[in-house]
Protein backbone atom coordinates (compact mmCIF):
# COMPACT_ATOMS: atom_id res chain seq x y z
CA MET A 1 -66.81 -16.27 42.22
CA LYS A 2 -69.76 -14.02 41.73
CA TYR A 3 -69.72 -10.67 40.00
CA GLY A 4 -71.45 -7.67 40.91
CA PRO A 5 -73.53 -5.19 38.66
CA GLN A 6 -71.68 -2.40 37.34
CA SER A 7 -71.71 0.07 34.40
CA GLU A 8 -68.25 1.43 34.11
CA CYS A 9 -66.54 -0.89 31.66
CA GLY A 10 -66.45 1.62 28.70
CA ARG A 11 -69.64 0.55 26.81
CA GLY A 12 -70.69 2.83 23.84
CA ASN A 13 -67.16 2.47 22.27
CA ASN A 14 -68.19 0.03 19.51
CA MET A 15 -66.86 -2.99 21.32
CA PRO A 16 -68.99 -6.04 21.75
CA ASP A 17 -70.37 -6.82 25.19
CA ILE A 18 -69.72 -10.50 24.67
CA MET A 19 -66.31 -11.55 23.45
CA ASP A 20 -65.18 -14.52 21.95
CA LYS A 21 -62.94 -16.59 24.35
CA MET A 22 -59.75 -16.11 22.35
CA ASP A 23 -60.13 -12.30 21.63
CA ILE A 24 -58.33 -9.60 23.41
CA ALA A 25 -59.33 -5.73 23.12
CA PHE A 26 -57.83 -2.38 23.96
CA PRO A 27 -60.96 -0.46 23.85
CA ASN A 28 -59.75 3.04 24.40
CA LEU A 29 -57.15 2.44 21.40
CA GLY A 30 -60.00 1.15 19.21
CA ILE A 31 -58.17 -2.04 18.92
CA TYR A 32 -59.83 -5.60 18.86
CA LEU A 33 -57.70 -8.68 18.27
CA LYS A 34 -59.64 -11.77 17.31
CA ASN A 35 -58.46 -15.32 17.83
CA VAL A 36 -55.33 -14.56 19.83
CA PRO A 37 -53.59 -17.91 20.25
CA GLN A 38 -51.83 -19.31 23.34
CA ALA A 39 -49.97 -22.03 21.44
CA PHE A 40 -49.50 -23.71 18.11
CA TYR A 41 -49.08 -27.18 17.25
CA ILE A 42 -46.23 -29.26 15.59
CA GLY A 43 -47.85 -32.50 14.93
CA ASN A 44 -49.41 -33.44 18.27
CA PHE A 45 -46.92 -31.41 20.28
CA ARG A 46 -48.21 -28.24 21.80
CA VAL A 47 -45.76 -25.21 21.53
CA ALA A 48 -46.74 -22.46 24.02
CA LEU A 49 -46.22 -18.83 22.78
CA TYR A 50 -45.31 -17.92 26.27
CA GLY A 51 -42.07 -20.28 25.90
CA CYS A 52 -41.54 -18.99 22.34
CA MET A 53 -41.32 -15.34 23.51
CA ILE A 54 -39.01 -16.12 26.38
CA ALA A 55 -36.81 -18.05 23.74
CA LEU A 56 -36.78 -15.25 21.41
CA GLY A 57 -36.04 -12.66 24.31
CA MET A 58 -33.03 -14.91 25.27
CA MET A 59 -31.67 -15.10 21.74
CA LEU A 60 -31.91 -11.34 20.90
CA GLY A 61 -30.65 -10.61 24.43
CA ILE A 62 -27.39 -12.45 23.69
CA LEU A 63 -26.88 -10.55 20.38
CA MET A 64 -27.53 -7.38 22.26
CA ALA A 65 -24.92 -8.28 24.94
CA ALA A 66 -22.52 -9.38 22.19
CA HIS A 67 -23.00 -6.06 20.35
CA ILE A 68 -22.21 -4.15 23.57
CA ALA A 69 -19.14 -6.13 24.17
CA LYS A 70 -17.68 -5.47 20.77
CA LYS A 71 -18.55 -1.62 21.20
CA THR A 72 -16.67 -1.71 24.60
CA GLY A 73 -13.58 -3.65 23.24
CA GLN A 74 -14.57 -6.81 24.71
CA SER A 75 -14.66 -10.22 23.00
CA PRO A 76 -18.20 -11.01 21.93
CA ASP A 77 -17.32 -14.66 22.23
CA THR A 78 -17.20 -14.23 26.19
CA TYR A 79 -21.04 -13.54 26.10
CA TRP A 80 -21.64 -16.43 23.67
CA ASP A 81 -19.76 -18.63 25.96
CA ILE A 82 -21.35 -17.67 29.20
CA SER A 83 -24.93 -17.38 27.74
CA VAL A 84 -25.63 -21.08 28.04
CA TRP A 85 -25.11 -21.12 31.74
CA LEU A 86 -26.79 -17.83 32.37
CA ILE A 87 -29.89 -19.15 30.64
CA ILE A 88 -29.89 -22.45 32.52
CA PHE A 89 -29.22 -21.05 35.98
CA SER A 90 -31.32 -17.90 35.52
CA LEU A 91 -34.29 -20.05 34.44
CA ILE A 92 -33.68 -22.34 37.52
CA GLY A 93 -33.42 -19.13 39.87
CA ALA A 94 -36.57 -17.54 38.54
CA ARG A 95 -38.60 -20.92 39.04
CA ILE A 96 -37.20 -21.40 42.45
CA TYR A 97 -38.03 -17.89 43.62
CA TYR A 98 -41.71 -18.05 42.38
CA VAL A 99 -42.13 -21.46 43.86
CA ILE A 100 -40.92 -20.31 47.26
CA PHE A 101 -43.27 -17.37 47.36
CA PHE A 102 -46.27 -19.15 45.83
CA TRP A 103 -45.76 -22.39 47.55
CA ASP A 104 -49.52 -22.92 48.02
CA ALA A 105 -49.97 -23.51 44.52
CA TYR A 106 -47.46 -26.31 44.34
CA LYS A 107 -47.57 -28.09 47.60
CA ASP A 108 -50.39 -30.49 46.63
CA ASP A 109 -48.82 -31.26 43.22
CA PRO A 110 -45.15 -30.72 43.42
CA ILE A 111 -44.55 -32.18 39.96
CA GLN A 112 -46.11 -29.03 38.47
CA ILE A 113 -42.99 -27.08 39.66
CA PHE A 114 -41.34 -28.64 36.56
CA ASN A 115 -44.11 -27.47 34.31
CA PHE A 116 -42.45 -24.39 32.84
CA ARG A 117 -44.93 -24.04 29.90
CA ALA A 118 -47.69 -22.92 32.37
CA GLY A 119 -45.80 -19.94 33.46
CA GLY A 120 -44.49 -19.01 36.74
CA LEU A 121 -40.98 -17.41 36.42
CA ALA A 122 -39.91 -14.43 38.84
CA ILE A 123 -37.40 -11.97 37.42
CA TYR A 124 -35.63 -11.33 40.59
CA GLY A 125 -35.04 -14.93 41.04
CA GLY A 126 -33.60 -14.92 37.60
CA VAL A 127 -31.38 -11.90 38.36
CA ILE A 128 -29.95 -13.64 41.44
CA GLY A 129 -29.29 -16.91 39.59
CA GLY A 130 -27.60 -14.87 36.92
CA ILE A 131 -25.33 -12.87 39.28
CA ILE A 132 -24.11 -16.31 41.02
CA THR A 133 -23.61 -17.71 37.68
CA ALA A 134 -21.64 -14.77 36.40
CA TYR A 135 -19.47 -14.67 39.61
CA VAL A 136 -18.59 -18.49 39.13
CA TYR A 137 -17.77 -17.84 35.64
CA CYS A 138 -15.68 -14.87 36.28
CA VAL A 139 -13.62 -17.00 39.01
CA ILE A 140 -13.08 -19.84 36.73
CA LYS A 141 -12.28 -17.75 33.50
CA LYS A 142 -10.58 -14.92 35.49
CA LYS A 143 -12.78 -12.14 33.92
CA PHE A 144 -13.78 -8.94 35.76
CA LEU A 145 -17.39 -9.30 37.42
CA PRO A 146 -18.46 -5.74 37.18
CA GLU A 147 -17.55 -5.59 33.48
CA ILE A 148 -19.44 -8.74 32.78
CA LEU A 149 -22.57 -7.53 34.60
CA ASP A 150 -22.42 -4.17 32.80
CA THR A 151 -22.51 -5.89 29.48
CA ALA A 152 -24.99 -8.50 30.37
CA VAL A 153 -27.80 -6.09 31.43
CA TYR A 154 -28.38 -4.71 28.19
CA GLY A 155 -29.15 -8.24 26.96
CA LEU A 156 -31.22 -8.83 30.13
CA LEU A 157 -33.48 -5.93 29.40
CA VAL A 158 -33.97 -7.01 25.76
CA GLY A 159 -35.09 -10.43 27.08
CA GLN A 160 -37.33 -8.83 29.57
CA ILE A 161 -39.07 -6.45 26.96
CA ILE A 162 -39.78 -9.22 24.65
CA GLY A 163 -40.46 -11.92 27.33
CA ARG A 164 -43.29 -9.79 28.83
CA TRP A 165 -45.33 -10.63 25.69
CA GLY A 166 -45.34 -14.18 26.55
CA ASN A 167 -47.72 -12.85 29.48
CA PHE A 168 -49.88 -11.28 26.86
CA PHE A 169 -50.53 -14.64 24.97
CA ASN A 170 -51.00 -16.17 28.49
CA ARG A 171 -53.58 -13.69 29.46
CA GLU A 172 -51.64 -12.96 32.87
CA VAL A 173 -49.62 -10.33 34.69
CA PHE A 174 -52.58 -7.61 34.65
CA GLY A 175 -53.53 -5.20 37.20
CA GLY A 176 -56.93 -4.00 38.52
CA TYR A 177 -59.72 -2.20 36.80
CA THR A 178 -58.86 0.96 34.65
CA ASN A 179 -60.71 2.83 31.87
CA GLY A 180 -57.33 4.67 30.96
CA PRO A 181 -55.75 4.90 27.48
CA LEU A 182 -54.22 1.47 27.63
CA ALA A 183 -57.13 -0.70 29.21
CA MET A 184 -57.19 -4.08 28.16
CA ARG A 185 -60.27 -6.47 28.17
CA LEU A 186 -59.87 -10.16 28.55
CA PRO A 187 -62.60 -12.85 28.55
CA ILE A 188 -63.23 -14.01 32.13
CA GLU A 189 -62.94 -17.71 31.28
CA MET A 190 -59.39 -17.41 29.97
CA VAL A 191 -57.90 -15.90 33.01
CA ARG A 192 -56.97 -17.38 36.30
CA GLU A 193 -59.79 -16.97 38.86
CA ARG A 194 -57.24 -16.24 41.54
CA ASP A 195 -56.09 -13.16 39.46
CA ILE A 196 -59.59 -11.56 39.76
CA THR A 197 -59.60 -9.61 42.85
CA ALA A 198 -63.00 -8.61 44.65
CA ASP A 199 -62.48 -4.98 43.46
CA LEU A 200 -61.85 -6.20 39.90
CA ALA A 201 -64.98 -8.47 40.01
CA SER A 202 -67.17 -5.45 41.18
CA HIS A 203 -66.40 -3.73 37.98
CA ILE A 204 -67.55 -6.40 35.55
CA ALA A 205 -70.77 -5.12 34.01
CA GLU A 206 -73.99 -7.07 33.83
CA GLY A 207 -74.37 -8.69 30.30
CA THR A 208 -70.69 -8.83 29.58
CA ASN A 209 -68.20 -11.68 29.88
CA TYR A 210 -64.90 -9.81 30.23
CA ILE A 211 -62.70 -7.93 32.74
CA GLN A 212 -61.18 -4.50 31.77
CA VAL A 213 -57.55 -4.10 33.46
CA HIS A 214 -54.34 -2.34 33.58
CA PRO A 215 -51.97 -4.31 31.04
CA THR A 216 -49.11 -4.24 33.37
CA PHE A 217 -47.03 -6.49 31.31
CA LEU A 218 -47.23 -3.72 28.69
CA TYR A 219 -46.26 -1.01 31.42
CA GLU A 220 -43.26 -2.98 32.34
CA GLY A 221 -42.01 -3.55 28.81
CA LEU A 222 -42.41 0.08 28.12
CA TRP A 223 -40.63 1.06 31.30
CA ASN A 224 -37.76 -1.35 30.47
CA LEU A 225 -37.56 -0.02 26.92
CA GLY A 226 -37.06 3.49 28.46
CA VAL A 227 -34.38 2.02 30.86
CA LEU A 228 -32.60 0.29 27.97
CA LEU A 229 -32.65 3.52 25.91
CA PHE A 230 -31.22 5.44 28.84
CA LEU A 231 -28.51 2.95 29.35
CA LEU A 232 -27.42 2.91 25.75
CA LEU A 233 -27.07 6.62 25.94
CA PHE A 234 -25.31 6.63 29.12
CA LEU A 235 -22.74 3.95 28.22
CA LYS A 236 -20.00 6.46 27.02
CA HIS A 237 -20.43 8.42 30.25
CA ARG A 238 -19.82 5.39 32.37
CA ARG A 239 -17.53 6.38 35.18
CA PHE A 240 -16.61 3.01 36.62
CA LYS A 241 -17.28 -0.71 35.73
CA GLY A 242 -20.39 -1.80 37.39
CA GLU A 243 -22.13 1.56 37.17
CA ILE A 244 -24.50 0.36 34.30
CA PHE A 245 -25.44 -2.69 36.34
CA PHE A 246 -26.21 -0.43 39.40
CA LEU A 247 -28.24 1.83 37.13
CA TYR A 248 -30.18 -1.06 35.95
CA LEU A 249 -30.96 -2.35 39.44
CA ALA A 250 -32.20 1.30 40.32
CA GLY A 251 -34.25 1.97 37.13
CA TYR A 252 -35.73 -1.27 36.96
CA GLY A 253 -36.44 -1.54 40.61
CA ILE A 254 -38.26 1.70 40.63
CA GLY A 255 -40.54 0.64 37.86
CA ARG A 256 -41.21 -2.67 39.31
CA ALA A 257 -42.07 -1.27 42.66
CA TRP A 258 -44.96 0.97 41.45
CA ILE A 259 -46.00 -1.60 38.59
CA GLU A 260 -46.19 -4.18 41.21
CA ALA A 261 -48.51 -2.10 43.41
CA ILE A 262 -51.32 -2.51 40.87
CA ARG A 263 -50.90 -6.23 39.84
CA THR A 264 -53.60 -8.67 40.96
CA ASP A 265 -51.07 -11.75 40.93
CA GLN A 266 -48.48 -10.41 43.53
CA LEU A 267 -46.20 -12.88 45.30
CA TYR A 268 -46.12 -12.02 49.13
CA ILE A 269 -43.49 -12.40 51.73
CA THR A 270 -44.58 -15.60 53.67
CA GLY A 271 -47.02 -14.94 56.36
CA THR A 272 -47.66 -11.28 55.41
CA ALA A 273 -49.66 -9.26 53.04
CA ILE A 274 -46.42 -7.42 51.60
CA PRO A 275 -45.44 -7.93 47.94
CA VAL A 276 -42.05 -9.41 47.97
CA ASN A 277 -41.14 -7.66 44.60
CA MET A 278 -42.06 -4.40 45.74
CA VAL A 279 -39.70 -4.76 48.64
CA MET A 280 -37.22 -6.19 46.49
CA GLY A 281 -37.58 -3.35 43.89
CA ILE A 282 -37.34 -0.55 46.52
CA ALA A 283 -34.54 -2.18 48.39
CA LEU A 284 -32.35 -2.78 45.32
CA ALA A 285 -33.10 0.77 43.91
CA ALA A 286 -31.92 2.35 47.19
CA GLY A 287 -28.96 0.17 47.49
CA ALA A 288 -27.83 0.72 43.89
CA THR A 289 -28.36 4.41 44.07
CA LEU A 290 -26.18 4.45 47.32
CA ALA A 291 -23.51 2.57 45.65
CA ILE A 292 -23.35 4.72 42.59
CA VAL A 293 -22.99 7.82 44.86
CA LEU A 294 -20.37 6.25 47.08
CA ILE A 295 -18.24 4.75 44.28
CA GLY A 296 -18.85 7.67 41.84
CA SER A 297 -17.59 10.16 44.69
CA ARG A 298 -14.61 8.05 45.30
CA ARG A 299 -13.74 8.03 41.62
CA LYS A 300 -14.50 11.69 40.89
CA GLY A 301 -11.96 13.14 38.52
CA THR A 302 -10.67 9.78 37.27
CA PRO A 303 -11.02 8.96 33.58
CA ARG A 304 -14.22 7.26 32.35
CA VAL A 305 -13.53 3.57 31.39
CA GLY A 306 -15.16 1.03 29.01
CA LEU A 307 -15.23 2.31 25.59
CA GLY A 308 -12.72 1.14 23.00
CA ILE A 309 -10.49 -0.54 25.34
CA PRO A 310 -9.95 -4.24 24.84
CA GLU A 311 -10.76 -6.43 27.83
CA THR A 312 -7.28 -7.67 28.04
CA ALA A 313 -5.55 -4.24 27.79
CA LYS A 314 -4.86 -1.81 30.48
CA PRO A 315 -6.26 1.74 30.10
CA SER A 316 -2.80 3.01 29.27
CA GLU A 317 -2.77 0.61 26.21
CA ALA A 318 -5.88 1.69 24.59
CA PRO A 319 -5.37 2.35 20.73
CA GLY A 320 -4.62 5.90 19.97
CA GLU A 321 -4.69 7.13 23.82
CA LYS A 322 -1.79 9.03 25.13
CA VAL A 323 -1.40 8.62 28.88
CA GLU A 324 0.68 11.04 30.71
CA GLU A 325 2.68 10.02 33.84
CA SER A 326 1.04 10.97 37.15
CA SER A 327 2.73 12.46 40.08
CA ASP A 328 2.58 10.51 43.25
CA SER A 329 -0.03 12.78 44.75
CA GLU A 330 -2.43 11.94 41.65
CA LYS A 331 -2.16 8.21 41.90
CA GLN A 332 -4.96 6.33 43.59
């Protein structure tokens, strides 16, 4: 790929024009990170930091879900029990989704489909796999699916927030050129050539060896942190089981749609130039919002549920709660 002459890349900010290949910089924050590794070795075995961040996100996500379960009167053991299956089938779903919409990268070497360490997981595929797994688990264990989903999304968000830093170490999931406050510089030789669009290439200044981009992995992590904080505050205001899950779909969907619009590594609906994750984000956000409005309006005036009620107890059996008899006209 040829790069055109340009002078907009923020020179004059005391950052070097030639970066070492393992360096990463955030010039407008005055941050220059030297020798940022992609992996470490245990003997001759290479351990990718991408995988480490995914694993860390999973573990902390399970702890978060177990914490929310205890807070809402459920058994934390339920989430330790289901977590193994959720992790396995969510990873499978995430990989299948990615491969389907990026088949050109695998059709000539299908064995690479199983090379998880190289990256290539799609969150919406993981969500689909997780929902199917949770449904099967609830049928077998006779659990209430909306309650399980409400609790699990807190762990999912923690996993997404931490897991996105795997993309940082992999030098991937970035957007086009920017000179904004969070602009990030990456040496060209450390990123995939297919992720450098023509527009991004046109902003590479002569005499430099880096691209300056939107750190969309960071945008998504910060957005998800905001969604997580909102859902934590909203929990005590939950009107019906399943509402937290729908709020997650809406909140994450909106964020993913606008972030996807500036990414350079988009997955497209087959045979089109339409980013599939933008469509998924918008569709799920719209559908979830509609569900919240419709279900919420039907339950208007009914007690909020979820806090302090054991998963095996009925609302009328909640500790310390006095429930008055309703007239026939008040029963639903």
